[in-house]
Amino acid sequence: KSNKILLAASDKADLMYKSISAEIASYITNETGKEYVGEDYERILLNMTIGINYLMLDDFENAQVEFKRVNHKLEFIEEKSGKKYQLNLMALYLSAIAHAATGENEYAYVELKKIHKIQAGIPAVGQKLLTLSMELGYEDDFIQWAQLYKVPGIKKTDSALQKELVVV
């Protein structure tokens, strides 16, 4: 039931963009005649809330959709307004969790790599990159992540997949 309400609010928010003529009319008369359209961050937070709600309901596929929608909206807002935004790291991370929960480790890995590209050095991301690169058989990537995230005992010449990785 909660997602029904949130989705309705999200749909309405998507339809509400500032009308230039309404803005001019409200400037000339007064602001009480114009409908509140919300700020960009409010639209993004609404989709984040819906995605988290889906995660809590173990509806991982719909959670993935909502987290992807967050970053699509950011791209749209950037294009429409000219404001500069980067991808939402939390949406990427939660999308990776949702993908991993459904066994889509390749997609989870791609999302985590996007996070690393935007902001390298986040320990939880590094740990998941190490684990997934090992599980997926990406030996070169595993060695790269092990070096970047300073896992002791891993060298470029090591056969990474023959080692056991324990990250605490």
C-alpha atoms as a PDB file:
ATOM      1  CA  LYS A   1       0.000   0.000   0.000  1.00  0.00           C
ATOM      2  CA  SER A   2       2.846   2.396   0.808  1.00  0.00           C
ATOM      3  CA  ASN A   3       4.315   2.051  -2.676  1.00  0.00           C
ATOM      4  CA  LYS A   4       0.921   2.733  -4.250  1.00  0.00           C
ATOM      5  CA  ILE A   5       0.862   6.116  -2.515  1.00  0.00           C
ATOM      6  CA  LEU A   6       4.525   6.845  -3.266  1.00  0.00           C
ATOM      7  CA  LEU A   7       4.184   5.875  -6.930  1.00  0.00           C
ATOM      8  CA  ALA A   8       1.157   8.136  -7.320  1.00  0.00           C
ATOM      9  CA  ALA A   9       3.135  11.012  -5.797  1.00  0.00           C
ATOM     10  CA  SER A  10       6.063  10.270  -8.103  1.00  0.00           C
ATOM     11  CA  ASP A  11       3.833  10.221 -11.184  1.00  0.00           C
ATOM     12  CA  LYS A  12       2.333  13.565 -10.188  1.00  0.00           C
ATOM     13  CA  ALA A  13       5.773  15.047  -9.501  1.00  0.00           C
ATOM     14  CA  ASP A  14       6.951  13.959 -12.953  1.00  0.00           C
ATOM     15  CA  LEU A  15       4.093  15.900 -14.536  1.00  0.00           C
ATOM     16  CA  MET A  16       4.687  19.075 -12.536  1.00  0.00           C
ATOM     17  CA  TYR A  17       7.242  21.300 -14.155  1.00  0.00           C
ATOM     18  CA  LYS A  18       7.284  25.049 -14.029  1.00  0.00           C
ATOM     19  CA  SER A  19       5.228  26.789 -16.643  1.00  0.00           C
ATOM     20  CA  ILE A  20       6.779  30.061 -17.754  1.00  0.00           C
ATOM     21  CA  SER A  21       3.394  31.688 -18.273  1.00  0.00           C
ATOM     22  CA  ALA A  22       2.201  30.559 -14.817  1.00  0.00           C
ATOM     23  CA  GLU A  23       5.406  31.918 -13.281  1.00  0.00           C
ATOM     24  CA  ILE A  24       4.907  35.306 -14.958  1.00  0.00           C
ATOM     25  CA  ALA A  25       1.247  35.417 -13.946  1.00  0.00           C
ATOM     26  CA  SER A  26       2.087  34.610 -10.330  1.00  0.00           C
ATOM     27  CA  TYR A  27       4.824  37.246 -10.347  1.00  0.00           C
ATOM     28  CA  ILE A  28       2.353  39.891 -11.548  1.00  0.00           C
ATOM     29  CA  THR A  29      -0.481  38.847  -9.227  1.00  0.00           C
ATOM     30  CA  ASN A  30       0.662  36.790  -6.268  1.00  0.00           C
ATOM     31  CA  GLU A  31       2.196  33.410  -5.480  1.00  0.00           C
ATOM     32  CA  THR A  32      -0.927  31.862  -3.963  1.00  0.00           C
ATOM     33  CA  GLY A  33      -2.341  31.054  -7.382  1.00  0.00           C
ATOM     34  CA  LYS A  34       0.473  28.773  -8.404  1.00  0.00           C
ATOM     35  CA  GLU A  35       0.799  25.112  -7.609  1.00  0.00           C
ATOM     36  CA  TYR A  36       3.896  23.948  -5.758  1.00  0.00           C
ATOM     37  CA  VAL A  37       5.998  21.953  -8.222  1.00  0.00           C
ATOM     38  CA  GLY A  38       8.717  20.824  -5.856  1.00  0.00           C
ATOM     39  CA  GLU A  39      12.466  21.008  -6.104  1.00  0.00           C
ATOM     40  CA  ASP A  40      14.628  18.651  -8.139  1.00  0.00           C
ATOM     41  CA  TYR A  41      16.052  16.986  -5.033  1.00  0.00           C
ATOM     42  CA  GLU A  42      12.520  16.262  -3.786  1.00  0.00           C
ATOM     43  CA  ARG A  43      11.745  14.315  -6.955  1.00  0.00           C
ATOM     44  CA  ILE A  44      14.984  12.354  -6.570  1.00  0.00           C
ATOM     45  CA  LEU A  45      14.307  11.621  -2.894  1.00  0.00           C
ATOM     46  CA  LEU A  46      10.861  10.348  -3.769  1.00  0.00           C
ATOM     47  CA  ASN A  47      12.328   7.745  -6.136  1.00  0.00           C
ATOM     48  CA  MET A  48      15.002   6.819  -3.590  1.00  0.00           C
ATOM     49  CA  THR A  49      12.271   6.250  -0.997  1.00  0.00           C
ATOM     50  CA  ILE A  50      10.277   4.096  -3.405  1.00  0.00           C
ATOM     51  CA  GLY A  51      13.379   2.054  -4.246  1.00  0.00           C
ATOM     52  CA  ILE A  52      14.250   1.522  -0.589  1.00  0.00           C
ATOM     53  CA  ASN A  53      10.648   0.563   0.084  1.00  0.00           C
ATOM     54  CA  TYR A  54      10.832  -2.065  -2.669  1.00  0.00           C
ATOM     55  CA  LEU A  55      14.089  -3.380  -1.170  1.00  0.00           C
ATOM     56  CA  MET A  56      12.417  -3.729   2.211  1.00  0.00           C
ATOM     57  CA  LEU A  57       9.606  -5.695   0.544  1.00  0.00           C
ATOM     58  CA  ASP A  58      12.170  -7.984  -1.183  1.00  0.00           C
ATOM     59  CA  ASP A  59      10.921  -6.737  -4.554  1.00  0.00           C
ATOM     60  CA  PHE A  60      14.406  -6.418  -6.018  1.00  0.00           C
ATOM     61  CA  GLU A  61      13.421  -5.987  -9.660  1.00  0.00           C
ATOM     62  CA  ASN A  62      11.227  -2.954  -8.962  1.00  0.00           C
ATOM     63  CA  ALA A  63      13.913  -1.598  -6.635  1.00  0.00           C
ATOM     64  CA  GLN A  64      16.394  -1.781  -9.527  1.00  0.00           C
ATOM     65  CA  VAL A  65      13.974   0.157 -11.728  1.00  0.00           C
ATOM     66  CA  GLU A  66      13.558   2.931  -9.152  1.00  0.00           C
ATOM     67  CA  PHE A  67      17.290   3.311  -8.509  1.00  0.00           C
ATOM     68  CA  LYS A  68      17.965   3.514 -12.242  1.00  0.00           C
ATOM     69  CA  ARG A  69      15.157   6.065 -12.504  1.00  0.00           C
ATOM     70  CA  VAL A  70      16.994   8.263  -9.957  1.00  0.00           C
ATOM     71  CA  ASN A  71      20.022   8.619 -12.190  1.00  0.00           C
ATOM     72  CA  HIS A  72      17.932   8.978 -15.357  1.00  0.00           C
ATOM     73  CA  LYS A  73      16.063  11.836 -13.680  1.00  0.00           C
ATOM     74  CA  LEU A  74      19.344  13.469 -12.698  1.00  0.00           C
ATOM     75  CA  GLU A  75      20.483  13.281 -16.328  1.00  0.00           C
ATOM     76  CA  PHE A  76      17.134  14.708 -17.484  1.00  0.00           C
ATOM     77  CA  ILE A  77      17.257  17.559 -14.952  1.00  0.00           C
ATOM     78  CA  GLU A  78      20.832  18.333 -15.965  1.00  0.00           C
ATOM     79  CA  GLU A  79      19.835  18.441 -19.630  1.00  0.00           C
ATOM     80  CA  LYS A  80      16.685  20.520 -18.949  1.00  0.00           C
ATOM     81  CA  SER A  81      18.144  23.004 -16.478  1.00  0.00           C
ATOM     82  CA  GLY A  82      21.841  23.079 -17.279  1.00  0.00           C
ATOM     83  CA  LYS A  83      22.655  22.310 -13.632  1.00  0.00           C
ATOM     84  CA  LYS A  84      25.574  19.909 -13.243  1.00  0.00           C
ATOM     85  CA  TYR A  85      24.856  16.672 -11.380  1.00  0.00           C
ATOM     86  CA  GLN A  86      26.828  13.477 -10.910  1.00  0.00           C
ATOM     87  CA  LEU A  87      25.274  10.046 -10.643  1.00  0.00           C
ATOM     88  CA  ASN A  88      23.758   9.306  -7.237  1.00  0.00           C
ATOM     89  CA  LEU A  89      26.194   6.959  -5.496  1.00  0.00           C
ATOM     90  CA  MET A  90      23.600   5.654  -3.064  1.00  0.00           C
ATOM     91  CA  ALA A  91      21.246   4.751  -5.920  1.00  0.00           C
ATOM     92  CA  LEU A  92      24.085   2.933  -7.683  1.00  0.00           C
ATOM     93  CA  TYR A  93      25.053   1.057  -4.520  1.00  0.00           C
ATOM     94  CA  LEU A  94      21.491   0.030  -3.688  1.00  0.00           C
ATOM     95  CA  SER A  95      20.973  -0.991  -7.314  1.00  0.00           C
ATOM     96  CA  ALA A  96      24.069  -3.198  -7.033  1.00  0.00           C
ATOM     97  CA  ILE A  97      22.631  -4.785  -3.881  1.00  0.00           C
ATOM     98  CA  ALA A  98      19.312  -5.430  -5.637  1.00  0.00           C
ATOM     99  CA  HIS A  99      21.083  -6.978  -8.633  1.00  0.00           C
ATOM    100  CA  ALA A 100      23.218  -9.192  -6.398  1.00  0.00           C
ATOM    101  CA  ALA A 101      20.106 -10.301  -4.492  1.00  0.00           C
ATOM    102  CA  THR A 102      18.622 -11.611  -7.745  1.00  0.00           C
ATOM    103  CA  GLY A 103      21.868 -13.294  -8.803  1.00  0.00           C
ATOM    104  CA  GLU A 104      22.679 -10.674 -11.430  1.00  0.00           C
ATOM    105  CA  ASN A 105      26.275 -10.292 -10.282  1.00  0.00           C
ATOM    106  CA  GLU A 106      27.498  -8.906 -13.608  1.00  0.00           C
ATOM    107  CA  TYR A 107      25.073  -5.991 -13.332  1.00  0.00           C
ATOM    108  CA  ALA A 108      25.985  -5.470  -9.679  1.00  0.00           C
ATOM    109  CA  TYR A 109      29.651  -5.383 -10.690  1.00  0.00           C
ATOM    110  CA  VAL A 110      28.989  -2.731 -13.363  1.00  0.00           C
ATOM    111  CA  GLU A 111      27.153  -0.517 -10.849  1.00  0.00           C
ATOM    112  CA  LEU A 112      30.007  -0.837  -8.348  1.00  0.00           C
ATOM    113  CA  LYS A 113      32.565   0.057 -11.013  1.00  0.00           C
ATOM    114  CA  LYS A 114      30.561   3.232 -11.756  1.00  0.00           C
ATOM    115  CA  ILE A 115      30.771   4.159  -8.077  1.00  0.00           C
ATOM    116  CA  HIS A 116      34.520   3.525  -8.013  1.00  0.00           C
ATOM    117  CA  LYS A 117      34.966   5.697 -11.112  1.00  0.00           C
ATOM    118  CA  ILE A 118      33.106   8.597  -9.479  1.00  0.00           C
ATOM    119  CA  GLN A 119      34.598   8.227  -6.000  1.00  0.00           C
ATOM    120  CA  ALA A 120      37.401   5.733  -5.541  1.00  0.00           C
ATOM    121  CA  GLY A 121      38.386   4.403  -2.145  1.00  0.00           C
ATOM    122  CA  ILE A 122      35.052   3.556  -0.515  1.00  0.00           C
ATOM    123  CA  PRO A 123      35.911   0.413   1.517  1.00  0.00           C
ATOM    124  CA  ALA A 124      32.505  -1.293   1.196  1.00  0.00           C
ATOM    125  CA  VAL A 125      32.597  -0.815  -2.578  1.00  0.00           C
ATOM    126  CA  GLY A 126      36.157  -2.126  -2.739  1.00  0.00           C
ATOM    127  CA  GLN A 127      35.223  -5.230  -0.767  1.00  0.00           C
ATOM    128  CA  LYS A 128      32.289  -5.980  -3.073  1.00  0.00           C
ATOM    129  CA  LEU A 129      34.416  -5.331  -6.174  1.00  0.00           C
ATOM    130  CA  LEU A 130      37.000  -7.810  -4.877  1.00  0.00           C
ATOM    131  CA  THR A 131      34.410 -10.440  -4.053  1.00  0.00           C
ATOM    132  CA  LEU A 132      32.485 -10.115  -7.306  1.00  0.00           C
ATOM    133  CA  SER A 133      35.571  -9.992  -9.518  1.00  0.00           C
ATOM    134  CA  MET A 134      36.696 -13.246  -7.914  1.00  0.00           C
ATOM    135  CA  GLU A 135      33.253 -14.861  -8.257  1.00  0.00           C
ATOM    136  CA  LEU A 136      32.925 -13.756 -11.879  1.00  0.00           C
ATOM    137  CA  GLY A 137      36.428 -14.943 -12.778  1.00  0.00           C
ATOM    138  CA  TYR A 138      37.792 -11.493 -13.628  1.00  0.00           C
ATOM    139  CA  GLU A 139      41.369 -12.247 -12.547  1.00  0.00           C
ATOM    140  CA  ASP A 140      42.960  -9.048 -13.859  1.00  0.00           C
ATOM    141  CA  ASP A 141      40.256  -6.936 -12.225  1.00  0.00           C
ATOM    142  CA  PHE A 142      40.674  -8.849  -8.970  1.00  0.00           C
ATOM    143  CA  ILE A 143      44.396  -8.074  -8.906  1.00  0.00           C
ATOM    144  CA  GLN A 144      43.695  -4.413  -9.714  1.00  0.00           C
ATOM    145  CA  TRP A 145      41.118  -4.081  -6.896  1.00  0.00           C
ATOM    146  CA  ALA A 146      43.363  -5.951  -4.451  1.00  0.00           C
ATOM    147  CA  GLN A 147      46.163  -3.475  -5.140  1.00  0.00           C
ATOM    148  CA  LEU A 148      43.931  -0.411  -5.024  1.00  0.00           C
ATOM    149  CA  TYR A 149      42.239  -1.508  -1.812  1.00  0.00           C
ATOM    150  CA  LYS A 150      45.542  -2.721  -0.330  1.00  0.00           C
ATOM    151  CA  VAL A 151      44.846  -6.403   0.248  1.00  0.00           C
ATOM    152  CA  PRO A 152      48.100  -7.800   1.631  1.00  0.00           C
ATOM    153  CA  GLY A 153      49.901 -10.548  -0.261  1.00  0.00           C
ATOM    154  CA  ILE A 154      48.472  -9.875  -3.733  1.00  0.00           C
ATOM    155  CA  LYS A 155      50.966  -9.012  -6.481  1.00  0.00           C
ATOM    156  CA  LYS A 156      50.468  -8.457 -10.192  1.00  0.00           C
ATOM    157  CA  THR A 157      52.127 -11.771 -10.958  1.00  0.00           C
ATOM    158  CA  ASP A 158      49.898 -13.773  -8.585  1.00  0.00           C
ATOM    159  CA  SER A 159      47.181 -15.985  -9.940  1.00  0.00           C
ATOM    160  CA  ALA A 160      44.437 -14.178  -8.088  1.00  0.00           C
ATOM    161  CA  LEU A 161      41.785 -16.821  -8.431  1.00  0.00           C
ATOM    162  CA  GLN A 162      43.943 -19.440  -6.736  1.00  0.00           C
ATOM    163  CA  LYS A 163      44.107 -17.327  -3.571  1.00  0.00           C
ATOM    164  CA  GLU A 164      41.492 -17.234  -0.882  1.00  0.00           C
ATOM    165  CA  LEU A 165      40.343 -13.741  -0.049  1.00  0.00           C
ATOM    166  CA  VAL A 166      39.207 -12.901   3.439  1.00  0.00           C
ATOM    167  CA  VAL A 167      38.146  -9.290   3.922  1.00  0.00           C
ATOM    168  CA  VAL A 168      37.262  -8.196   7.423  1.00  0.00           C
END
